[in-house]
Amino acid sequence: MSKKYFIITSVIIIVLLLVVAFVPFKQNPSSTSRVVVDHFNHKYAFPSCYDYEKASNYIDEVTYKDAQDLKYPPMNTCTEEKAKPQYKSLLKRLLESTEI
């Protein structure tokens, strides 16, 4: 009985480890991520994608959700890529969040 219990437990643990390590899960951008909104051009961009050379003087920093509520389109392809959901395994998310 104990050998059977050990095998079942081992198989369950191995399956869980494989799921955590390899199965990708959908990860949407956080609604609280900060974005730069250009109210003059009616567009938004993530700070790393914002083109300050083409900026107007009427900019603001808001959350991603607020920018979506304004119904502004993305400023460039970099912003479009960052706004798309990403597919990452739980292990990869953990490593990125702990910066290992």
PDB file of N, CA and C in Angstrom:
ATOM      1  N   MET A   1       0.821  -1.195   0.000  1.00  0.00           N
ATOM      2  CA  MET A   1       0.000   0.000   0.000  1.00  0.00           C
ATOM      3  C   MET A   1       0.861   1.253   0.000  1.00  0.00           C
ATOM      4  N   SER A   2       1.956   1.259   0.741  1.00  0.00           N
ATOM      5  CA  SER A   2       2.789   2.454   0.819  1.00  0.00           C
ATOM      6  C   SER A   2       3.550   2.682  -0.489  1.00  0.00           C
ATOM      7  N   LYS A   3       3.917   1.598  -1.195  1.00  0.00           N
ATOM      8  CA  LYS A   3       4.611   1.748  -2.474  1.00  0.00           C
ATOM      9  C   LYS A   3       3.673   2.375  -3.508  1.00  0.00           C
ATOM     10  N   LYS A   4       2.427   1.942  -3.512  1.00  0.00           N
ATOM     11  CA  LYS A   4       1.430   2.490  -4.430  1.00  0.00           C
ATOM     12  C   LYS A   4       1.186   3.971  -4.112  1.00  0.00           C
ATOM     13  N   TYR A   5       1.087   4.304  -2.854  1.00  0.00           N
ATOM     14  CA  TYR A   5       0.886   5.686  -2.417  1.00  0.00           C
ATOM     15  C   TYR A   5       2.071   6.557  -2.844  1.00  0.00           C
ATOM     16  N   PHE A   6       3.278   6.038  -2.705  1.00  0.00           N
ATOM     17  CA  PHE A   6       4.489   6.763  -3.094  1.00  0.00           C
ATOM     18  C   PHE A   6       4.514   7.032  -4.600  1.00  0.00           C
ATOM     19  N   ILE A   7       4.140   6.051  -5.399  1.00  0.00           N
ATOM     20  CA  ILE A   7       4.138   6.207  -6.858  1.00  0.00           C
ATOM     21  C   ILE A   7       3.104   7.249  -7.284  1.00  0.00           C
ATOM     22  N   ILE A   8       1.916   7.183  -6.725  1.00  0.00           N
ATOM     23  CA  ILE A   8       0.860   8.147  -7.066  1.00  0.00           C
ATOM     24  C   ILE A   8       1.279   9.561  -6.675  1.00  0.00           C
ATOM     25  N   THR A   9       1.828   9.698  -5.497  1.00  0.00           N
ATOM     26  CA  THR A   9       2.292  11.009  -5.035  1.00  0.00           C
ATOM     27  C   THR A   9       3.416  11.535  -5.922  1.00  0.00           C
ATOM     28  N   SER A  10       4.332  10.677  -6.299  1.00  0.00           N
ATOM     29  CA  SER A  10       5.448  11.079  -7.164  1.00  0.00           C
ATOM     30  C   SER A  10       4.953  11.537  -8.530  1.00  0.00           C
ATOM     31  N   VAL A  11       4.011  10.813  -9.100  1.00  0.00           N
ATOM     32  CA  VAL A  11       3.462  11.180 -10.412  1.00  0.00           C
ATOM     33  C   VAL A  11       2.749  12.530 -10.331  1.00  0.00           C
ATOM     34  N   ILE A  12       1.984  12.744  -9.285  1.00  0.00           N
ATOM     35  CA  ILE A  12       1.276  14.023  -9.117  1.00  0.00           C
ATOM     36  C   ILE A  12       2.266  15.171  -8.983  1.00  0.00           C
ATOM     37  N   ILE A  13       3.305  14.982  -8.214  1.00  0.00           N
ATOM     38  CA  ILE A  13       4.318  16.032  -8.033  1.00  0.00           C
ATOM     39  C   ILE A  13       5.041  16.322  -9.346  1.00  0.00           C
ATOM     40  N   ILE A  14       5.375  15.291 -10.091  1.00  0.00           N
ATOM     41  CA  ILE A  14       6.061  15.481 -11.378  1.00  0.00           C
ATOM     42  C   ILE A  14       5.165  16.231 -12.364  1.00  0.00           C
ATOM     43  N   VAL A  15       3.895  15.866 -12.423  1.00  0.00           N
ATOM     44  CA  VAL A  15       2.960  16.555 -13.321  1.00  0.00           C
ATOM     45  C   VAL A  15       2.821  18.022 -12.922  1.00  0.00           C
ATOM     46  N   LEU A  16       2.707  18.301 -11.644  1.00  0.00           N
ATOM     47  CA  LEU A  16       2.603  19.691 -11.184  1.00  0.00           C
ATOM     48  C   LEU A  16       3.860  20.490 -11.519  1.00  0.00           C
ATOM     49  N   LEU A  17       5.021  19.889 -11.347  1.00  0.00           N
ATOM     50  CA  LEU A  17       6.273  20.571 -11.691  1.00  0.00           C
ATOM     51  C   LEU A  17       6.360  20.859 -13.186  1.00  0.00           C
ATOM     52  N   LEU A  18       5.914  19.934 -14.006  1.00  0.00           N
ATOM     53  CA  LEU A  18       5.912  20.151 -15.454  1.00  0.00           C
ATOM     54  C   LEU A  18       4.955  21.277 -15.846  1.00  0.00           C
ATOM     55  N   VAL A  19       3.797  21.317 -15.212  1.00  0.00           N
ATOM     56  CA  VAL A  19       2.836  22.390 -15.489  1.00  0.00           C
ATOM     57  C   VAL A  19       3.428  23.737 -15.102  1.00  0.00           C
ATOM     58  N   VAL A  20       4.017  23.822 -13.935  1.00  0.00           N
ATOM     59  CA  VAL A  20       4.608  25.079 -13.465  1.00  0.00           C
ATOM     60  C   VAL A  20       5.759  25.514 -14.363  1.00  0.00           C
ATOM     61  N   ALA A  21       6.550  24.573 -14.840  1.00  0.00           N
ATOM     62  CA  ALA A  21       7.750  24.911 -15.600  1.00  0.00           C
ATOM     63  C   ALA A  21       7.483  25.198 -17.074  1.00  0.00           C
ATOM     64  N   PHE A  22       6.495  24.548 -17.683  1.00  0.00           N
ATOM     65  CA  PHE A  22       6.394  24.620 -19.136  1.00  0.00           C
ATOM     66  C   PHE A  22       5.075  25.127 -19.702  1.00  0.00           C
ATOM     67  N   VAL A  23       3.971  25.012 -19.011  1.00  0.00           N
ATOM     68  CA  VAL A  23       2.686  25.410 -19.581  1.00  0.00           C
ATOM     69  C   VAL A  23       2.551  26.932 -19.513  1.00  0.00           C
ATOM     70  N   PRO A  24       2.390  27.587 -20.681  1.00  0.00           N
ATOM     71  CA  PRO A  24       2.263  29.046 -20.666  1.00  0.00           C
ATOM     72  C   PRO A  24       0.846  29.481 -20.288  1.00  0.00           C
ATOM     73  N   PHE A  25       0.773  30.538 -19.502  1.00  0.00           N
ATOM     74  CA  PHE A  25      -0.496  31.123 -19.110  1.00  0.00           C
ATOM     75  C   PHE A  25      -0.550  32.553 -19.629  1.00  0.00           C
ATOM     76  N   LYS A  26      -1.742  33.005 -19.939  1.00  0.00           N
ATOM     77  CA  LYS A  26      -1.930  34.353 -20.483  1.00  0.00           C
ATOM     78  C   LYS A  26      -1.725  35.391 -19.386  1.00  0.00           C
ATOM     79  N   GLN A  27      -0.934  36.410 -19.696  1.00  0.00           N
ATOM     80  CA  GLN A  27      -0.670  37.486 -18.748  1.00  0.00           C
ATOM     81  C   GLN A  27      -0.933  38.817 -19.451  1.00  0.00           C
ATOM     82  N   ASN A  28      -2.021  39.480 -19.069  1.00  0.00           N
ATOM     83  CA  ASN A  28      -2.352  40.788 -19.630  1.00  0.00           C
ATOM     84  C   ASN A  28      -1.547  41.867 -18.932  1.00  0.00           C
ATOM     85  N   PRO A  29      -1.331  42.999 -19.601  1.00  0.00           N
ATOM     86  CA  PRO A  29      -0.658  44.106 -18.916  1.00  0.00           C
ATOM     87  C   PRO A  29      -1.488  44.555 -17.718  1.00  0.00           C
ATOM     88  N   SER A  30      -0.833  44.949 -16.673  1.00  0.00           N
ATOM     89  CA  SER A  30      -1.528  45.383 -15.469  1.00  0.00           C
ATOM     90  C   SER A  30      -2.311  46.661 -15.751  1.00  0.00           C
ATOM     91  N   SER A  31      -3.517  46.742 -15.223  1.00  0.00           N
ATOM     92  CA  SER A  31      -4.326  47.951 -15.424  1.00  0.00           C
ATOM     93  C   SER A  31      -3.749  49.141 -14.672  1.00  0.00           C
ATOM     94  N   THR A  32      -2.832  48.880 -13.743  1.00  0.00           N
ATOM     95  CA  THR A  32      -2.218  49.974 -12.986  1.00  0.00           C
ATOM     96  C   THR A  32      -0.861  50.384 -13.548  1.00  0.00           C
ATOM     97  N   SER A  33      -0.462  49.796 -14.684  1.00  0.00           N
ATOM     98  CA  SER A  33       0.791  50.211 -15.324  1.00  0.00           C
ATOM     99  C   SER A  33       0.681  51.672 -15.735  1.00  0.00           C
ATOM    100  N   ARG A  34       1.782  52.378 -15.604  1.00  0.00           N
ATOM    101  CA  ARG A  34       1.787  53.800 -15.953  1.00  0.00           C
ATOM    102  C   ARG A  34       2.029  53.970 -17.448  1.00  0.00           C
ATOM    103  N   VAL A  35       1.271  54.872 -18.068  1.00  0.00           N
ATOM    104  CA  VAL A  35       1.462  55.209 -19.474  1.00  0.00           C
ATOM    105  C   VAL A  35       1.461  56.724 -19.617  1.00  0.00           C
ATOM    106  N   VAL A  36       2.062  57.185 -20.700  1.00  0.00           N
ATOM    107  CA  VAL A  36       2.082  58.612 -21.015  1.00  0.00           C
ATOM    108  C   VAL A  36       0.962  58.867 -22.014  1.00  0.00           C
ATOM    109  N   VAL A  37       0.105  59.837 -21.704  1.00  0.00           N
ATOM    110  CA  VAL A  37      -1.006  60.182 -22.579  1.00  0.00           C
ATOM    111  C   VAL A  37      -0.729  61.547 -23.189  1.00  0.00           C
ATOM    112  N   ASP A  38      -0.813  61.614 -24.512  1.00  0.00           N
ATOM    113  CA  ASP A  38      -0.665  62.876 -25.232  1.00  0.00           C
ATOM    114  C   ASP A  38      -2.070  63.349 -25.593  1.00  0.00           C
ATOM    115  N   HIS A  39      -2.588  64.315 -24.837  1.00  0.00           N
ATOM    116  CA  HIS A  39      -3.960  64.774 -25.050  1.00  0.00           C
ATOM    117  C   HIS A  39      -4.098  65.585 -26.337  1.00  0.00           C
ATOM    118  N   PHE A  40      -3.023  66.181 -26.820  1.00  0.00           N
ATOM    119  CA  PHE A  40      -3.086  66.961 -28.057  1.00  0.00           C
ATOM    120  C   PHE A  40      -3.253  66.039 -29.265  1.00  0.00           C
ATOM    121  N   ASN A  41      -2.475  64.959 -29.304  1.00  0.00           N
ATOM    122  CA  ASN A  41      -2.543  64.005 -30.417  1.00  0.00           C
ATOM    123  C   ASN A  41      -3.523  62.866 -30.158  1.00  0.00           C
ATOM    124  N   HIS A  42      -4.076  62.800 -28.956  1.00  0.00           N
ATOM    125  CA  HIS A  42      -5.042  61.764 -28.557  1.00  0.00           C
ATOM    126  C   HIS A  42      -4.463  60.358 -28.713  1.00  0.00           C
ATOM    127  N   LYS A  43      -3.267  60.152 -28.149  1.00  0.00           N
ATOM    128  CA  LYS A  43      -2.615  58.846 -28.189  1.00  0.00           C
ATOM    129  C   LYS A  43      -1.944  58.574 -26.854  1.00  0.00           C
ATOM    130  N   TYR A  44      -1.633  57.293 -26.618  1.00  0.00           N
ATOM    131  CA  TYR A  44      -0.920  56.917 -25.395  1.00  0.00           C
ATOM    132  C   TYR A  44       0.262  56.029 -25.748  1.00  0.00           C
ATOM    133  N   ALA A  45       1.235  55.978 -24.832  1.00  0.00           N
ATOM    134  CA  ALA A  45       2.413  55.126 -25.019  1.00  0.00           C
ATOM    135  C   ALA A  45       2.975  54.750 -23.660  1.00  0.00           C
ATOM    136  N   PHE A  46       3.589  53.591 -23.605  1.00  0.00           N
ATOM    137  CA  PHE A  46       4.317  53.215 -22.397  1.00  0.00           C
ATOM    138  C   PHE A  46       5.576  54.074 -22.324  1.00  0.00           C
ATOM    139  N   PRO A  47       6.041  54.422 -21.138  1.00  0.00           N
ATOM    140  CA  PRO A  47       7.195  55.336 -21.025  1.00  0.00           C
ATOM    141  C   PRO A  47       8.422  54.893 -21.816  1.00  0.00           C
ATOM    142  N   SER A  48       8.689  53.605 -21.872  1.00  0.00           N
ATOM    143  CA  SER A  48       9.857  53.139 -22.624  1.00  0.00           C
ATOM    144  C   SER A  48       9.656  53.257 -24.134  1.00  0.00           C
ATOM    145  N   CYS A  49       8.422  53.429 -24.579  1.00  0.00           N
ATOM    146  CA  CYS A  49       8.119  53.521 -26.012  1.00  0.00           C
ATOM    147  C   CYS A  49       7.809  54.950 -26.455  1.00  0.00           C
ATOM    148  N   TYR A  50       7.713  55.863 -25.516  1.00  0.00           N
ATOM    149  CA  TYR A  50       7.271  57.216 -25.853  1.00  0.00           C
ATOM    150  C   TYR A  50       8.351  57.970 -26.610  1.00  0.00           C
ATOM    151  N   ASP A  51       7.972  58.604 -27.709  1.00  0.00           N
ATOM    152  CA  ASP A  51       8.899  59.379 -28.536  1.00  0.00           C
ATOM    153  C   ASP A  51       8.825  60.840 -28.093  1.00  0.00           C
ATOM    154  N   TYR A  52       9.769  61.244 -27.265  1.00  0.00           N
ATOM    155  CA  TYR A  52       9.748  62.591 -26.701  1.00  0.00           C
ATOM    156  C   TYR A  52      10.052  63.665 -27.739  1.00  0.00           C
ATOM    157  N   GLU A  53      10.629  63.295 -28.866  1.00  0.00           N
ATOM    158  CA  GLU A  53      10.908  64.277 -29.915  1.00  0.00           C
ATOM    159  C   GLU A  53       9.638  64.711 -30.626  1.00  0.00           C
ATOM    160  N   LYS A  54       8.633  63.848 -30.659  1.00  0.00           N
ATOM    161  CA  LYS A  54       7.364  64.168 -31.309  1.00  0.00           C
ATOM    162  C   LYS A  54       6.300  64.578 -30.296  1.00  0.00           C
ATOM    163  N   ALA A  55       6.697  64.858 -29.087  1.00  0.00           N
ATOM    164  CA  ALA A  55       5.748  65.132 -28.010  1.00  0.00           C
ATOM    165  C   ALA A  55       5.165  66.533 -28.125  1.00  0.00           C
ATOM    166  N   SER A  56       3.933  66.640 -27.707  1.00  0.00           N
ATOM    167  CA  SER A  56       3.324  67.958 -27.559  1.00  0.00           C
ATOM    168  C   SER A  56       3.531  68.393 -26.107  1.00  0.00           C
ATOM    169  N   ASN A  57       3.066  69.554 -25.772  1.00  0.00           N
ATOM    170  CA  ASN A  57       3.195  70.039 -24.396  1.00  0.00           C
ATOM    171  C   ASN A  57       2.035  69.581 -23.517  1.00  0.00           C
ATOM    172  N   TYR A  58       1.076  68.911 -24.109  1.00  0.00           N
ATOM    173  CA  TYR A  58      -0.130  68.537 -23.378  1.00  0.00           C
ATOM    174  C   TYR A  58      -0.097  67.034 -23.077  1.00  0.00           C
ATOM    175  N   ILE A  59       0.864  66.617 -22.232  1.00  0.00           N
ATOM    176  CA  ILE A  59       0.992  65.205 -21.882  1.00  0.00           C
ATOM    177  C   ILE A  59       0.662  65.010 -20.410  1.00  0.00           C
ATOM    178  N   ASP A  60       0.356  63.776 -20.081  1.00  0.00           N
ATOM    179  CA  ASP A  60      -0.018  63.431 -18.715  1.00  0.00           C
ATOM    180  C   ASP A  60       0.403  61.983 -18.474  1.00  0.00           C
ATOM    181  N   GLU A  61       0.578  61.626 -17.225  1.00  0.00           N
ATOM    182  CA  GLU A  61       0.886  60.245 -16.868  1.00  0.00           C
ATOM    183  C   GLU A  61      -0.315  59.677 -16.133  1.00  0.00           C
ATOM    184  N   VAL A  62      -0.877  58.605 -16.682  1.00  0.00           N
ATOM    185  CA  VAL A  62      -2.065  57.977 -16.105  1.00  0.00           C
ATOM    186  C   VAL A  62      -1.854  56.465 -16.087  1.00  0.00           C
ATOM    187  N   THR A  63      -2.825  55.743 -15.551  1.00  0.00           N
ATOM    188  CA  THR A  63      -2.753  54.281 -15.574  1.00  0.00           C
ATOM    189  C   THR A  63      -3.189  53.770 -16.945  1.00  0.00           C
ATOM    190  N   TYR A  64      -2.820  52.541 -17.235  1.00  0.00           N
ATOM    191  CA  TYR A  64      -3.183  51.922 -18.512  1.00  0.00           C
ATOM    192  C   TYR A  64      -4.702  51.853 -18.661  1.00  0.00           C
ATOM    193  N   LYS A  65      -5.396  51.567 -17.567  1.00  0.00           N
ATOM    194  CA  LYS A  65      -6.858  51.496 -17.603  1.00  0.00           C
ATOM    195  C   LYS A  65      -7.457  52.854 -17.948  1.00  0.00           C
ATOM    196  N   ASP A  66      -6.924  53.923 -17.364  1.00  0.00           N
ATOM    197  CA  ASP A  66      -7.427  55.263 -17.668  1.00  0.00           C
ATOM    198  C   ASP A  66      -7.207  55.619 -19.135  1.00  0.00           C
ATOM    199  N   ALA A  67      -6.085  55.218 -19.689  1.00  0.00           N
ATOM    200  CA  ALA A  67      -5.811  55.478 -21.108  1.00  0.00           C
ATOM    201  C   ALA A  67      -6.797  54.716 -21.992  1.00  0.00           C
ATOM    202  N   GLN A  68      -7.140  53.500 -21.595  1.00  0.00           N
ATOM    203  CA  GLN A  68      -8.125  52.739 -22.354  1.00  0.00           C
ATOM    204  C   GLN A  68      -9.504  53.379 -22.239  1.00  0.00           C
ATOM    205  N   ASP A  69      -9.840  53.897 -21.052  1.00  0.00           N
ATOM    206  CA  ASP A  69     -11.127  54.558 -20.861  1.00  0.00           C
ATOM    207  C   ASP A  69     -11.253  55.807 -21.732  1.00  0.00           C
ATOM    208  N   LEU A  70     -10.129  56.474 -21.993  1.00  0.00           N
ATOM    209  CA  LEU A  70     -10.138  57.644 -22.873  1.00  0.00           C
ATOM    210  C   LEU A  70     -10.303  57.246 -24.338  1.00  0.00           C
ATOM    211  N   LYS A  71     -10.152  55.946 -24.622  1.00  0.00           N
ATOM    212  CA  LYS A  71     -10.261  55.394 -25.977  1.00  0.00           C
ATOM    213  C   LYS A  71      -9.224  55.985 -26.931  1.00  0.00           C
ATOM    214  N   TYR A  72      -8.040  56.281 -26.392  1.00  0.00           N
ATOM    215  CA  TYR A  72      -6.936  56.751 -27.223  1.00  0.00           C
ATOM    216  C   TYR A  72      -6.250  55.545 -27.852  1.00  0.00           C
ATOM    217  N   PRO A  73      -5.839  55.644 -29.114  1.00  0.00           N
ATOM    218  CA  PRO A  73      -5.092  54.546 -29.734  1.00  0.00           C
ATOM    219  C   PRO A  73      -3.633  54.564 -29.289  1.00  0.00           C
ATOM    220  N   PRO A  74      -2.927  53.450 -29.448  1.00  0.00           N
ATOM    221  CA  PRO A  74      -1.500  53.427 -29.108  1.00  0.00           C
ATOM    222  C   PRO A  74      -0.714  54.349 -30.040  1.00  0.00           C
ATOM    223  N   MET A  75       0.352  54.912 -29.517  1.00  0.00           N
ATOM    224  CA  MET A  75       1.145  55.879 -30.275  1.00  0.00           C
ATOM    225  C   MET A  75       2.007  55.216 -31.347  1.00  0.00           C
ATOM    226  N   ASN A  76       2.511  53.999 -31.069  1.00  0.00           N
ATOM    227  CA  ASN A  76       3.433  53.356 -32.002  1.00  0.00           C
ATOM    228  C   ASN A  76       3.360  51.834 -31.849  1.00  0.00           C
ATOM    229  N   THR A  77       4.116  51.137 -32.676  1.00  0.00           N
ATOM    230  CA  THR A  77       4.085  49.667 -32.641  1.00  0.00           C
ATOM    231  C   THR A  77       4.696  49.108 -31.362  1.00  0.00           C
ATOM    232  N   CYS A  78       5.646  49.819 -30.789  1.00  0.00           N
ATOM    233  CA  CYS A  78       6.238  49.377 -29.519  1.00  0.00           C
ATOM    234  C   CYS A  78       5.155  49.299 -28.445  1.00  0.00           C
ATOM    235  N   THR A  79       4.310  50.316 -28.383  1.00  0.00           N
ATOM    236  CA  THR A  79       3.221  50.338 -27.404  1.00  0.00           C
ATOM    237  C   THR A  79       2.209  49.239 -27.701  1.00  0.00           C
ATOM    238  N   GLU A  80       1.920  49.009 -28.973  1.00  0.00           N
ATOM    239  CA  GLU A  80       0.991  47.936 -29.341  1.00  0.00           C
ATOM    240  C   GLU A  80       1.508  46.581 -28.866  1.00  0.00           C
ATOM    241  N   GLU A  81       2.809  46.351 -29.018  1.00  0.00           N
ATOM    242  CA  GLU A  81       3.401  45.083 -28.588  1.00  0.00           C
ATOM    243  C   GLU A  81       3.346  44.927 -27.070  1.00  0.00           C
ATOM    244  N   LYS A  82       3.620  46.006 -26.338  1.00  0.00           N
ATOM    245  CA  LYS A  82       3.588  45.921 -24.873  1.00  0.00           C
ATOM    246  C   LYS A  82       2.171  45.763 -24.343  1.00  0.00           C
ATOM    247  N   ALA A  83       1.171  46.219 -25.112  1.00  0.00           N
ATOM    248  CA  ALA A  83      -0.220  46.130 -24.679  1.00  0.00           C
ATOM    249  C   ALA A  83      -0.824  44.756 -24.952  1.00  0.00           C
ATOM    250  N   LYS A  84      -0.173  43.964 -25.800  1.00  0.00           N
ATOM    251  CA  LYS A  84      -0.676  42.620 -26.098  1.00  0.00           C
ATOM    252  C   LYS A  84      -0.431  41.693 -24.908  1.00  0.00           C
ATOM    253  N   PRO A  85      -1.334  40.729 -24.714  1.00  0.00           N
ATOM    254  CA  PRO A  85      -1.090  39.750 -23.647  1.00  0.00           C
ATOM    255  C   PRO A  85       0.142  38.907 -23.956  1.00  0.00           C
ATOM    256  N   GLN A  86       0.859  38.559 -22.928  1.00  0.00           N
ATOM    257  CA  GLN A  86       2.035  37.708 -23.074  1.00  0.00           C
ATOM    258  C   GLN A  86       1.731  36.345 -22.474  1.00  0.00           C
ATOM    259  N   TYR A  87       2.349  35.329 -23.032  1.00  0.00           N
ATOM    260  CA  TYR A  87       2.154  33.968 -22.544  1.00  0.00           C
ATOM    261  C   TYR A  87       3.450  33.493 -21.904  1.00  0.00           C
ATOM    262  N   LYS A  88       3.388  33.281 -20.586  1.00  0.00           N
ATOM    263  CA  LYS A  88       4.574  32.870 -19.834  1.00  0.00           C
ATOM    264  C   LYS A  88       4.201  31.758 -18.866  1.00  0.00           C
ATOM    265  N   SER A  89       5.165  30.890 -18.620  1.00  0.00           N
ATOM    266  CA  SER A  89       4.945  29.838 -17.624  1.00  0.00           C
ATOM    267  C   SER A  89       5.033  30.453 -16.226  1.00  0.00           C
ATOM    268  N   LEU A  90       4.479  29.751 -15.267  1.00  0.00           N
ATOM    269  CA  LEU A  90       4.515  30.245 -13.888  1.00  0.00           C
ATOM    270  C   LEU A  90       5.944  30.364 -13.377  1.00  0.00           C
ATOM    271  N   LEU A  91       6.797  29.439 -13.790  1.00  0.00           N
ATOM    272  CA  LEU A  91       8.202  29.485 -13.377  1.00  0.00           C
ATOM    273  C   LEU A  91       8.886  30.739 -13.932  1.00  0.00           C
ATOM    274  N   LYS A  92       8.635  31.054 -15.193  1.00  0.00           N
ATOM    275  CA  LYS A  92       9.238  32.244 -15.801  1.00  0.00           C
ATOM    276  C   LYS A  92       8.736  33.518 -15.117  1.00  0.00           C
ATOM    277  N   ARG A  93       7.443  33.562 -14.809  1.00  0.00           N
ATOM    278  CA  ARG A  93       6.892  34.724 -14.086  1.00  0.00           C
ATOM    279  C   ARG A  93       7.561  34.887 -12.730  1.00  0.00           C
ATOM    280  N   LEU A  94       7.736  33.774 -12.028  1.00  0.00           N
ATOM    281  CA  LEU A  94       8.366  33.815 -10.711  1.00  0.00           C
ATOM    282  C   LEU A  94       9.798  34.314 -10.814  1.00  0.00           C
ATOM    283  N   LEU A  95      10.546  33.810 -11.777  1.00  0.00           N
ATOM    284  CA  LEU A  95      11.935  34.240 -11.948  1.00  0.00           C
ATOM    285  C   LEU A  95      12.022  35.716 -12.322  1.00  0.00           C
ATOM    286  N   GLU A  96      11.106  36.201 -13.164  1.00  0.00           N
ATOM    287  CA  GLU A  96      11.117  37.615 -13.543  1.00  0.00           C
ATOM    288  C   GLU A  96      10.726  38.509 -12.371  1.00  0.00           C
ATOM    289  N   SER A  97       9.778  38.062 -11.573  1.00  0.00           N
ATOM    290  CA  SER A  97       9.334  38.901 -10.457  1.00  0.00           C
ATOM    291  C   SER A  97      10.374  38.984  -9.350  1.00  0.00           C
ATOM    292  N   THR A  98      11.182  37.940  -9.209  1.00  0.00           N
ATOM    293  CA  THR A  98      12.235  37.969  -8.190  1.00  0.00           C
ATOM    294  C   THR A  98      13.558  38.469  -8.751  1.00  0.00           C
ATOM    295  N   GLU A  99      13.591  38.731 -10.064  1.00  0.00           N
ATOM    296  CA  GLU A  99      14.769  39.252 -10.761  1.00  0.00           C
ATOM    297  C   GLU A  99      15.999  38.368 -10.576  1.00  0.00           C
ATOM    298  N   ILE A 100      15.791  37.082 -10.677  1.00  0.00           N
ATOM    299  CA  ILE A 100      16.902  36.123 -10.568  1.00  0.00           C
ATOM    300  C   ILE A 100      17.503  35.911 -11.948  1.00  0.00           C
TER     301      ILE A 100
END
